[in-house]
N, C-alpha and C. Protein backbone atom coordinates (compact mmCIF):
# COMPACT_ATOMS: atom_id res chain seq x y z
N MET A 1 -36.46 -10.23 -21.39
CA MET A 1 -35.33 -11.08 -21.72
C MET A 1 -35.14 -12.09 -20.59
N PHE A 2 -35.02 -13.35 -20.93
CA PHE A 2 -34.84 -14.41 -19.95
C PHE A 2 -33.40 -14.90 -19.98
N LEU A 3 -32.77 -14.93 -18.82
CA LEU A 3 -31.38 -15.37 -18.73
C LEU A 3 -31.22 -16.61 -17.86
N GLY A 4 -32.31 -17.27 -17.55
CA GLY A 4 -32.26 -18.40 -16.64
C GLY A 4 -31.36 -19.53 -17.07
N ALA A 5 -31.25 -19.80 -18.34
CA ALA A 5 -30.47 -20.94 -18.82
C ALA A 5 -29.11 -20.54 -19.37
N CYS A 6 -28.72 -19.30 -19.20
CA CYS A 6 -27.47 -18.84 -19.81
C CYS A 6 -26.23 -19.31 -19.05
N GLY A 7 -26.38 -19.71 -17.80
CA GLY A 7 -25.24 -20.16 -17.02
C GLY A 7 -24.56 -19.05 -16.24
N PHE A 8 -25.03 -17.82 -16.37
CA PHE A 8 -24.45 -16.69 -15.65
C PHE A 8 -24.74 -16.83 -14.16
N GLN A 9 -23.70 -16.69 -13.35
CA GLN A 9 -23.85 -16.73 -11.90
C GLN A 9 -23.05 -15.58 -11.31
N PRO A 10 -23.66 -14.74 -10.48
CA PRO A 10 -22.90 -13.66 -9.86
C PRO A 10 -21.76 -14.21 -9.01
N LEU A 11 -20.59 -13.63 -9.17
CA LEU A 11 -19.40 -14.12 -8.48
C LEU A 11 -19.50 -13.98 -6.97
N TYR A 12 -20.09 -12.89 -6.48
CA TYR A 12 -20.10 -12.62 -5.04
C TYR A 12 -21.47 -12.82 -4.41
N SER A 13 -22.31 -13.65 -4.97
CA SER A 13 -23.63 -13.86 -4.39
C SER A 13 -23.52 -14.67 -3.11
N ASN A 14 -24.55 -14.59 -2.30
CA ASN A 14 -24.60 -15.33 -1.04
C ASN A 14 -25.59 -16.48 -1.10
N ARG A 15 -25.82 -17.01 -2.27
CA ARG A 15 -26.79 -18.09 -2.42
C ARG A 15 -26.25 -19.37 -1.76
N PRO A 16 -27.14 -20.28 -1.35
CA PRO A 16 -26.71 -21.49 -0.66
C PRO A 16 -25.86 -22.43 -1.52
N THR A 17 -25.98 -22.34 -2.84
CA THR A 17 -25.24 -23.27 -3.70
C THR A 17 -23.83 -22.80 -4.00
N GLY A 18 -23.42 -21.72 -3.44
CA GLY A 18 -22.05 -21.27 -3.68
C GLY A 18 -21.92 -19.77 -3.59
N GLY A 19 -20.95 -19.25 -4.26
CA GLY A 19 -20.68 -17.83 -4.19
C GLY A 19 -19.46 -17.60 -3.33
N GLY A 20 -18.55 -16.80 -3.81
CA GLY A 20 -17.29 -16.62 -3.11
C GLY A 20 -17.36 -15.73 -1.90
N ALA A 21 -18.26 -14.75 -1.88
CA ALA A 21 -18.26 -13.76 -0.81
C ALA A 21 -18.44 -14.38 0.57
N ARG A 22 -19.28 -15.38 0.68
CA ARG A 22 -19.53 -16.00 1.98
C ARG A 22 -18.29 -16.73 2.49
N GLU A 23 -17.52 -17.30 1.59
CA GLU A 23 -16.33 -18.05 1.98
C GLU A 23 -15.18 -17.14 2.41
N PHE A 24 -15.17 -15.89 1.92
CA PHE A 24 -14.09 -14.97 2.29
C PHE A 24 -14.00 -14.80 3.80
N SER A 25 -15.14 -14.78 4.46
CA SER A 25 -15.15 -14.56 5.91
C SER A 25 -14.60 -15.75 6.69
N LYS A 26 -14.27 -16.84 6.00
CA LYS A 26 -13.73 -18.03 6.66
C LYS A 26 -12.22 -18.16 6.45
N ILE A 27 -11.60 -17.10 5.88
CA ILE A 27 -10.16 -17.14 5.59
C ILE A 27 -9.40 -16.34 6.64
N ARG A 28 -8.42 -16.97 7.25
CA ARG A 28 -7.50 -16.26 8.14
C ARG A 28 -6.29 -15.85 7.30
N ILE A 29 -6.03 -14.56 7.23
CA ILE A 29 -4.91 -14.05 6.45
C ILE A 29 -3.70 -13.94 7.37
N GLU A 30 -2.68 -14.72 7.08
CA GLU A 30 -1.48 -14.72 7.91
C GLU A 30 -0.71 -13.41 7.70
N PRO A 31 0.04 -12.96 8.73
CA PRO A 31 0.85 -11.74 8.56
C PRO A 31 1.83 -11.90 7.39
N ILE A 32 2.06 -10.80 6.69
CA ILE A 32 2.96 -10.78 5.54
C ILE A 32 4.19 -9.95 5.90
N LYS A 33 5.35 -10.44 5.51
CA LYS A 33 6.63 -9.84 5.88
C LYS A 33 6.83 -8.45 5.26
N ASP A 34 7.53 -7.59 5.95
CA ASP A 34 7.97 -6.26 5.52
C ASP A 34 6.81 -5.26 5.43
N ARG A 35 7.17 -4.01 5.22
CA ARG A 35 6.17 -2.93 5.15
C ARG A 35 5.23 -3.11 3.96
N VAL A 36 5.77 -3.49 2.82
CA VAL A 36 4.93 -3.73 1.64
C VAL A 36 3.92 -4.82 1.96
N GLY A 37 4.36 -5.85 2.65
CA GLY A 37 3.47 -6.94 3.05
C GLY A 37 2.39 -6.48 4.01
N GLN A 38 2.76 -5.58 4.94
CA GLN A 38 1.76 -5.06 5.89
C GLN A 38 0.67 -4.29 5.15
N ILE A 39 1.08 -3.50 4.17
CA ILE A 39 0.09 -2.73 3.41
C ILE A 39 -0.84 -3.67 2.64
N LEU A 40 -0.27 -4.68 1.98
CA LEU A 40 -1.10 -5.65 1.26
C LEU A 40 -2.00 -6.41 2.22
N HIS A 41 -1.48 -6.79 3.37
CA HIS A 41 -2.26 -7.49 4.40
C HIS A 41 -3.49 -6.66 4.79
N ASN A 42 -3.29 -5.36 5.00
CA ASN A 42 -4.41 -4.49 5.37
C ASN A 42 -5.44 -4.39 4.26
N HIS A 43 -4.99 -4.30 3.01
CA HIS A 43 -5.93 -4.28 1.88
C HIS A 43 -6.72 -5.59 1.81
N LEU A 44 -6.04 -6.71 2.02
CA LEU A 44 -6.72 -8.01 1.98
C LEU A 44 -7.72 -8.14 3.13
N LEU A 45 -7.35 -7.65 4.31
CA LEU A 45 -8.29 -7.69 5.43
C LEU A 45 -9.56 -6.90 5.10
N THR A 46 -9.39 -5.74 4.51
CA THR A 46 -10.54 -4.92 4.13
C THR A 46 -11.38 -5.62 3.06
N ALA A 47 -10.73 -6.26 2.11
CA ALA A 47 -11.44 -6.91 1.00
C ALA A 47 -12.11 -8.22 1.41
N LEU A 48 -11.43 -9.00 2.25
CA LEU A 48 -11.92 -10.35 2.56
C LEU A 48 -12.59 -10.46 3.93
N ASN A 49 -12.10 -9.72 4.91
CA ASN A 49 -12.62 -9.81 6.28
C ASN A 49 -13.04 -8.44 6.81
N PRO A 50 -13.98 -7.75 6.17
CA PRO A 50 -14.33 -6.40 6.63
C PRO A 50 -14.93 -6.36 8.02
N ASN A 51 -15.46 -7.48 8.50
CA ASN A 51 -16.06 -7.53 9.84
C ASN A 51 -15.10 -8.07 10.89
N GLY A 52 -13.83 -8.16 10.56
CA GLY A 52 -12.84 -8.66 11.49
C GLY A 52 -12.43 -10.08 11.17
N PRO A 53 -11.39 -10.55 11.84
CA PRO A 53 -10.89 -11.90 11.56
C PRO A 53 -11.93 -12.96 11.92
N PRO A 54 -11.91 -14.09 11.22
CA PRO A 54 -12.90 -15.15 11.48
C PRO A 54 -12.70 -15.79 12.85
N GLN A 55 -13.80 -16.11 13.52
CA GLN A 55 -13.73 -16.78 14.82
C GLN A 55 -13.32 -18.25 14.65
N ASN A 56 -13.88 -18.91 13.66
CA ASN A 56 -13.57 -20.31 13.37
C ASN A 56 -13.18 -20.45 11.91
N PRO A 57 -11.95 -20.09 11.58
CA PRO A 57 -11.56 -20.11 10.16
C PRO A 57 -11.51 -21.53 9.60
N LEU A 58 -11.88 -21.65 8.33
CA LEU A 58 -11.75 -22.91 7.62
C LEU A 58 -10.48 -22.92 6.78
N PHE A 59 -10.00 -21.72 6.43
CA PHE A 59 -8.84 -21.61 5.56
C PHE A 59 -7.82 -20.65 6.15
N SER A 60 -6.59 -20.86 5.75
CA SER A 60 -5.49 -19.97 6.09
C SER A 60 -4.84 -19.54 4.78
N MET A 61 -4.50 -18.26 4.67
CA MET A 61 -3.87 -17.80 3.44
C MET A 61 -2.52 -17.15 3.76
N THR A 62 -1.48 -17.64 3.10
CA THR A 62 -0.15 -17.05 3.21
C THR A 62 0.16 -16.33 1.90
N VAL A 63 0.88 -15.22 2.01
CA VAL A 63 1.21 -14.42 0.84
C VAL A 63 2.68 -14.02 0.93
N THR A 64 3.38 -14.12 -0.19
CA THR A 64 4.76 -13.66 -0.30
C THR A 64 4.81 -12.59 -1.37
N VAL A 65 5.30 -11.40 -1.00
CA VAL A 65 5.33 -10.27 -1.92
C VAL A 65 6.77 -9.98 -2.35
N SER A 66 6.94 -9.66 -3.62
CA SER A 66 8.25 -9.22 -4.11
C SER A 66 8.04 -8.07 -5.08
N GLU A 67 9.05 -7.21 -5.16
CA GLU A 67 8.96 -6.09 -6.09
C GLU A 67 10.32 -5.79 -6.69
N SER A 68 10.29 -5.23 -7.90
CA SER A 68 11.51 -4.81 -8.58
C SER A 68 11.19 -3.59 -9.43
N SER A 69 12.21 -2.80 -9.72
CA SER A 69 12.05 -1.60 -10.54
C SER A 69 12.92 -1.70 -11.78
N SER A 70 12.46 -1.11 -12.86
CA SER A 70 13.27 -1.02 -14.07
C SER A 70 13.09 0.37 -14.66
N SER A 71 14.19 0.95 -15.11
CA SER A 71 14.17 2.31 -15.66
C SER A 71 13.77 2.30 -17.12
N LEU A 72 13.00 3.30 -17.51
CA LEU A 72 12.56 3.48 -18.89
C LEU A 72 12.80 4.92 -19.28
N GLY A 73 12.57 5.23 -20.51
CA GLY A 73 12.66 6.62 -20.96
C GLY A 73 14.00 7.24 -20.67
N VAL A 74 15.07 6.58 -21.04
CA VAL A 74 16.42 7.06 -20.74
C VAL A 74 16.79 8.19 -21.71
N ARG A 75 17.25 9.30 -21.16
CA ARG A 75 17.69 10.45 -21.96
C ARG A 75 19.08 10.19 -22.53
N LYS A 76 19.52 11.08 -23.41
CA LYS A 76 20.88 11.00 -23.96
C LYS A 76 21.92 11.13 -22.85
N SER A 77 21.55 11.82 -21.79
CA SER A 77 22.47 12.01 -20.67
C SER A 77 22.55 10.77 -19.78
N ALA A 78 21.85 9.71 -20.14
CA ALA A 78 21.83 8.43 -19.42
C ALA A 78 21.00 8.47 -18.14
N PHE A 79 20.18 9.51 -17.98
CA PHE A 79 19.29 9.58 -16.83
C PHE A 79 17.90 9.10 -17.25
N ALA A 80 17.30 8.27 -16.44
CA ALA A 80 15.96 7.77 -16.73
C ALA A 80 14.92 8.81 -16.32
N THR A 81 13.83 8.86 -17.05
CA THR A 81 12.74 9.79 -16.73
C THR A 81 11.47 9.06 -16.32
N ARG A 82 11.47 7.77 -16.45
CA ARG A 82 10.29 6.96 -16.14
C ARG A 82 10.77 5.61 -15.62
N ALA A 83 9.98 5.01 -14.76
CA ALA A 83 10.34 3.69 -14.22
C ALA A 83 9.09 2.83 -14.10
N ASN A 84 9.29 1.55 -14.20
CA ASN A 84 8.24 0.57 -13.95
C ASN A 84 8.51 -0.10 -12.62
N LEU A 85 7.47 -0.26 -11.84
CA LEU A 85 7.54 -0.99 -10.58
C LEU A 85 6.77 -2.28 -10.79
N ASN A 86 7.46 -3.41 -10.70
CA ASN A 86 6.85 -4.72 -10.87
C ASN A 86 6.62 -5.34 -9.50
N VAL A 87 5.38 -5.65 -9.19
CA VAL A 87 5.03 -6.24 -7.90
C VAL A 87 4.34 -7.57 -8.16
N SER A 88 4.76 -8.60 -7.43
CA SER A 88 4.08 -9.89 -7.53
C SER A 88 3.79 -10.41 -6.13
N ALA A 89 2.69 -11.11 -6.02
CA ALA A 89 2.27 -11.69 -4.75
C ALA A 89 1.85 -13.14 -5.00
N ALA A 90 2.63 -14.06 -4.45
CA ALA A 90 2.28 -15.48 -4.52
C ALA A 90 1.45 -15.80 -3.29
N PHE A 91 0.24 -16.31 -3.50
CA PHE A 91 -0.60 -16.63 -2.35
C PHE A 91 -1.00 -18.10 -2.37
N LYS A 92 -1.18 -18.63 -1.17
CA LYS A 92 -1.54 -20.03 -1.02
C LYS A 92 -2.66 -20.13 0.01
N LEU A 93 -3.76 -20.74 -0.41
CA LEU A 93 -4.89 -20.99 0.47
C LEU A 93 -4.79 -22.42 0.96
N SER A 94 -4.82 -22.60 2.27
CA SER A 94 -4.68 -23.94 2.86
C SER A 94 -5.84 -24.23 3.79
N ASP A 95 -6.13 -25.52 3.96
CA ASP A 95 -7.09 -25.95 4.96
C ASP A 95 -6.53 -25.55 6.32
N PHE A 96 -7.33 -24.92 7.16
CA PHE A 96 -6.83 -24.39 8.43
C PHE A 96 -6.34 -25.48 9.37
N GLU A 97 -7.04 -26.60 9.42
CA GLU A 97 -6.67 -27.68 10.35
C GLU A 97 -5.50 -28.51 9.84
N THR A 98 -5.57 -28.94 8.60
CA THR A 98 -4.54 -29.86 8.08
C THR A 98 -3.35 -29.14 7.47
N ARG A 99 -3.50 -27.84 7.19
CA ARG A 99 -2.46 -27.03 6.53
C ARG A 99 -2.15 -27.51 5.11
N LYS A 100 -3.02 -28.36 4.57
CA LYS A 100 -2.84 -28.84 3.20
C LYS A 100 -3.30 -27.75 2.24
N GLY A 101 -2.46 -27.43 1.25
CA GLY A 101 -2.79 -26.42 0.27
C GLY A 101 -3.95 -26.84 -0.61
N VAL A 102 -4.91 -25.93 -0.81
CA VAL A 102 -6.06 -26.23 -1.66
C VAL A 102 -6.08 -25.36 -2.92
N PHE A 103 -5.38 -24.23 -2.89
CA PHE A 103 -5.38 -23.32 -4.04
C PHE A 103 -4.21 -22.36 -3.92
N SER A 104 -3.47 -22.19 -5.00
CA SER A 104 -2.37 -21.22 -4.98
C SER A 104 -2.18 -20.63 -6.37
N GLN A 105 -1.85 -19.39 -6.39
CA GLN A 105 -1.58 -18.67 -7.64
C GLN A 105 -0.66 -17.50 -7.34
N THR A 106 -0.25 -16.82 -8.41
CA THR A 106 0.57 -15.61 -8.27
C THR A 106 -0.10 -14.48 -9.03
N SER A 107 -0.23 -13.37 -8.37
CA SER A 107 -0.79 -12.16 -8.97
C SER A 107 0.36 -11.20 -9.26
N ARG A 108 0.38 -10.65 -10.46
CA ARG A 108 1.45 -9.73 -10.86
C ARG A 108 0.86 -8.45 -11.44
N ILE A 109 1.57 -7.35 -11.20
CA ILE A 109 1.16 -6.08 -11.79
C ILE A 109 2.40 -5.23 -12.03
N THR A 110 2.33 -4.42 -13.07
CA THR A 110 3.38 -3.45 -13.36
C THR A 110 2.74 -2.07 -13.40
N VAL A 111 3.28 -1.15 -12.61
CA VAL A 111 2.80 0.24 -12.59
C VAL A 111 3.99 1.15 -12.91
N SER A 112 3.70 2.30 -13.47
CA SER A 112 4.75 3.24 -13.86
C SER A 112 4.71 4.49 -12.99
N TYR A 113 5.86 5.13 -12.90
CA TYR A 113 5.94 6.42 -12.22
C TYR A 113 7.06 7.24 -12.85
N ASN A 114 6.98 8.56 -12.67
CA ASN A 114 7.98 9.47 -13.23
C ASN A 114 9.18 9.60 -12.30
N ILE A 115 10.35 9.68 -12.90
CA ILE A 115 11.57 9.99 -12.16
C ILE A 115 11.83 11.47 -12.42
N LEU A 116 11.75 12.26 -11.37
CA LEU A 116 11.84 13.71 -11.49
C LEU A 116 13.18 14.23 -10.96
N ASP A 117 13.42 15.51 -11.16
CA ASP A 117 14.67 16.11 -10.67
C ASP A 117 14.72 16.13 -9.14
N SER A 118 13.58 16.24 -8.52
CA SER A 118 13.49 16.25 -7.06
C SER A 118 13.43 14.82 -6.54
N ASP A 119 14.36 14.48 -5.65
CA ASP A 119 14.36 13.14 -5.05
C ASP A 119 13.08 12.88 -4.27
N PHE A 120 12.61 13.90 -3.56
CA PHE A 120 11.39 13.75 -2.77
C PHE A 120 10.20 13.46 -3.68
N ALA A 121 10.10 14.19 -4.79
CA ALA A 121 8.99 13.97 -5.73
C ALA A 121 9.05 12.57 -6.34
N THR A 122 10.25 12.11 -6.66
CA THR A 122 10.40 10.76 -7.21
C THR A 122 10.01 9.72 -6.17
N LEU A 123 10.45 9.91 -4.93
CA LEU A 123 10.11 8.99 -3.85
C LEU A 123 8.60 8.95 -3.63
N SER A 124 7.97 10.12 -3.67
CA SER A 124 6.51 10.19 -3.51
C SER A 124 5.79 9.49 -4.66
N ALA A 125 6.30 9.68 -5.88
CA ALA A 125 5.69 9.02 -7.04
C ALA A 125 5.83 7.51 -6.94
N LYS A 126 6.98 7.04 -6.48
CA LYS A 126 7.19 5.59 -6.33
C LYS A 126 6.29 5.03 -5.23
N LYS A 127 6.16 5.78 -4.14
CA LYS A 127 5.29 5.34 -3.04
C LYS A 127 3.84 5.24 -3.51
N ASP A 128 3.39 6.22 -4.30
CA ASP A 128 2.04 6.20 -4.84
C ASP A 128 1.85 5.03 -5.80
N ALA A 129 2.85 4.77 -6.63
CA ALA A 129 2.78 3.64 -7.57
C ALA A 129 2.69 2.33 -6.81
N ARG A 130 3.46 2.20 -5.73
CA ARG A 130 3.41 0.99 -4.91
C ARG A 130 2.03 0.81 -4.29
N ALA A 131 1.46 1.90 -3.78
CA ALA A 131 0.12 1.83 -3.17
C ALA A 131 -0.92 1.39 -4.21
N ARG A 132 -0.83 1.94 -5.42
CA ARG A 132 -1.76 1.54 -6.49
C ARG A 132 -1.60 0.06 -6.82
N ALA A 133 -0.36 -0.38 -6.91
CA ALA A 133 -0.09 -1.78 -7.24
C ALA A 133 -0.65 -2.72 -6.18
N LEU A 134 -0.45 -2.38 -4.91
CA LEU A 134 -0.92 -3.25 -3.84
C LEU A 134 -2.44 -3.30 -3.76
N ARG A 135 -3.10 -2.17 -4.02
CA ARG A 135 -4.57 -2.18 -4.07
C ARG A 135 -5.07 -3.08 -5.20
N GLU A 136 -4.44 -2.98 -6.36
CA GLU A 136 -4.83 -3.81 -7.50
C GLU A 136 -4.56 -5.29 -7.24
N ILE A 137 -3.44 -5.59 -6.62
CA ILE A 137 -3.13 -6.99 -6.32
C ILE A 137 -4.14 -7.56 -5.33
N SER A 138 -4.51 -6.78 -4.31
CA SER A 138 -5.50 -7.29 -3.35
C SER A 138 -6.83 -7.56 -4.04
N GLU A 139 -7.22 -6.69 -4.96
CA GLU A 139 -8.46 -6.90 -5.71
C GLU A 139 -8.35 -8.13 -6.61
N ASP A 140 -7.20 -8.31 -7.25
CA ASP A 140 -6.99 -9.48 -8.11
C ASP A 140 -7.06 -10.77 -7.29
N ILE A 141 -6.45 -10.77 -6.12
CA ILE A 141 -6.50 -11.96 -5.25
C ILE A 141 -7.95 -12.24 -4.85
N ARG A 142 -8.70 -11.19 -4.51
CA ARG A 142 -10.10 -11.37 -4.12
C ARG A 142 -10.90 -11.99 -5.27
N VAL A 143 -10.68 -11.52 -6.49
CA VAL A 143 -11.40 -12.06 -7.65
C VAL A 143 -11.01 -13.52 -7.88
N ARG A 144 -9.72 -13.82 -7.81
CA ARG A 144 -9.26 -15.20 -8.02
C ARG A 144 -9.83 -16.14 -6.96
N LEU A 145 -9.87 -15.69 -5.71
CA LEU A 145 -10.47 -16.51 -4.66
C LEU A 145 -11.97 -16.68 -4.89
N GLY A 146 -12.64 -15.62 -5.33
CA GLY A 146 -14.07 -15.71 -5.63
C GLY A 146 -14.36 -16.73 -6.71
N VAL A 147 -13.55 -16.73 -7.75
CA VAL A 147 -13.71 -17.72 -8.82
C VAL A 147 -13.46 -19.12 -8.28
N TYR A 148 -12.41 -19.27 -7.48
CA TYR A 148 -12.10 -20.59 -6.91
C TYR A 148 -13.27 -21.10 -6.08
N PHE A 149 -13.78 -20.28 -5.17
CA PHE A 149 -14.87 -20.73 -4.30
C PHE A 149 -16.15 -20.98 -5.08
N THR A 150 -16.39 -20.20 -6.12
CA THR A 150 -17.58 -20.41 -6.93
C THR A 150 -17.50 -21.74 -7.68
N GLN A 151 -16.30 -22.10 -8.12
CA GLN A 151 -16.13 -23.33 -8.89
C GLN A 151 -15.90 -24.56 -8.02
N ALA A 152 -15.50 -24.37 -6.77
CA ALA A 152 -15.20 -25.51 -5.90
C ALA A 152 -16.48 -26.30 -5.61
N GLN A 153 -16.34 -27.61 -5.57
CA GLN A 153 -17.50 -28.48 -5.35
C GLN A 153 -17.77 -28.73 -3.87
N SER A 154 -16.73 -28.84 -3.07
CA SER A 154 -16.95 -29.11 -1.65
C SER A 154 -15.95 -28.33 -0.82
N PHE A 155 -16.38 -27.98 0.37
CA PHE A 155 -15.54 -27.23 1.30
C PHE A 155 -15.41 -28.04 2.58
N PRO A 156 -14.31 -27.87 3.30
CA PRO A 156 -14.19 -28.54 4.59
C PRO A 156 -15.31 -28.06 5.52
N LYS A 157 -15.90 -28.94 6.23
CA LYS A 157 -16.98 -28.58 7.16
C LYS A 157 -16.46 -28.70 8.58
N LYS A 158 -16.92 -27.80 9.44
CA LYS A 158 -16.56 -27.87 10.87
C LYS A 158 -17.80 -28.10 11.67
């Protein structure tokens, strides 16, 4: 089977004509506010800069995280048994020197957790849901950046 003319291009290839993976190492991820932001920052560092921060970054990325909860599965007694945790992360990729924005989007996810009779168990379930959400958001941001870099025609040169 020949796929040469199908237009398929691996998203994370390191070929000279593009590919997002090579550009990830040129992104400086700015610190993100609050504990939730620190966790997301660490996931992004692992996903985008596994070899450490770039020595000569071409891009800077800022991220703003917000979260909210909503109760579901309300019993007749008016107590909820399930909750949704909504997490969103607005990110902006900018040219490192000029600080001019080149790409921005918002990643959103909703995860669920059980509300139990034990406060500790509920807190643990919410903490686990938050961790799952932040891992998924970091992966979504990585994919979106990969698509952007794959489709971009020119990059700032240093």
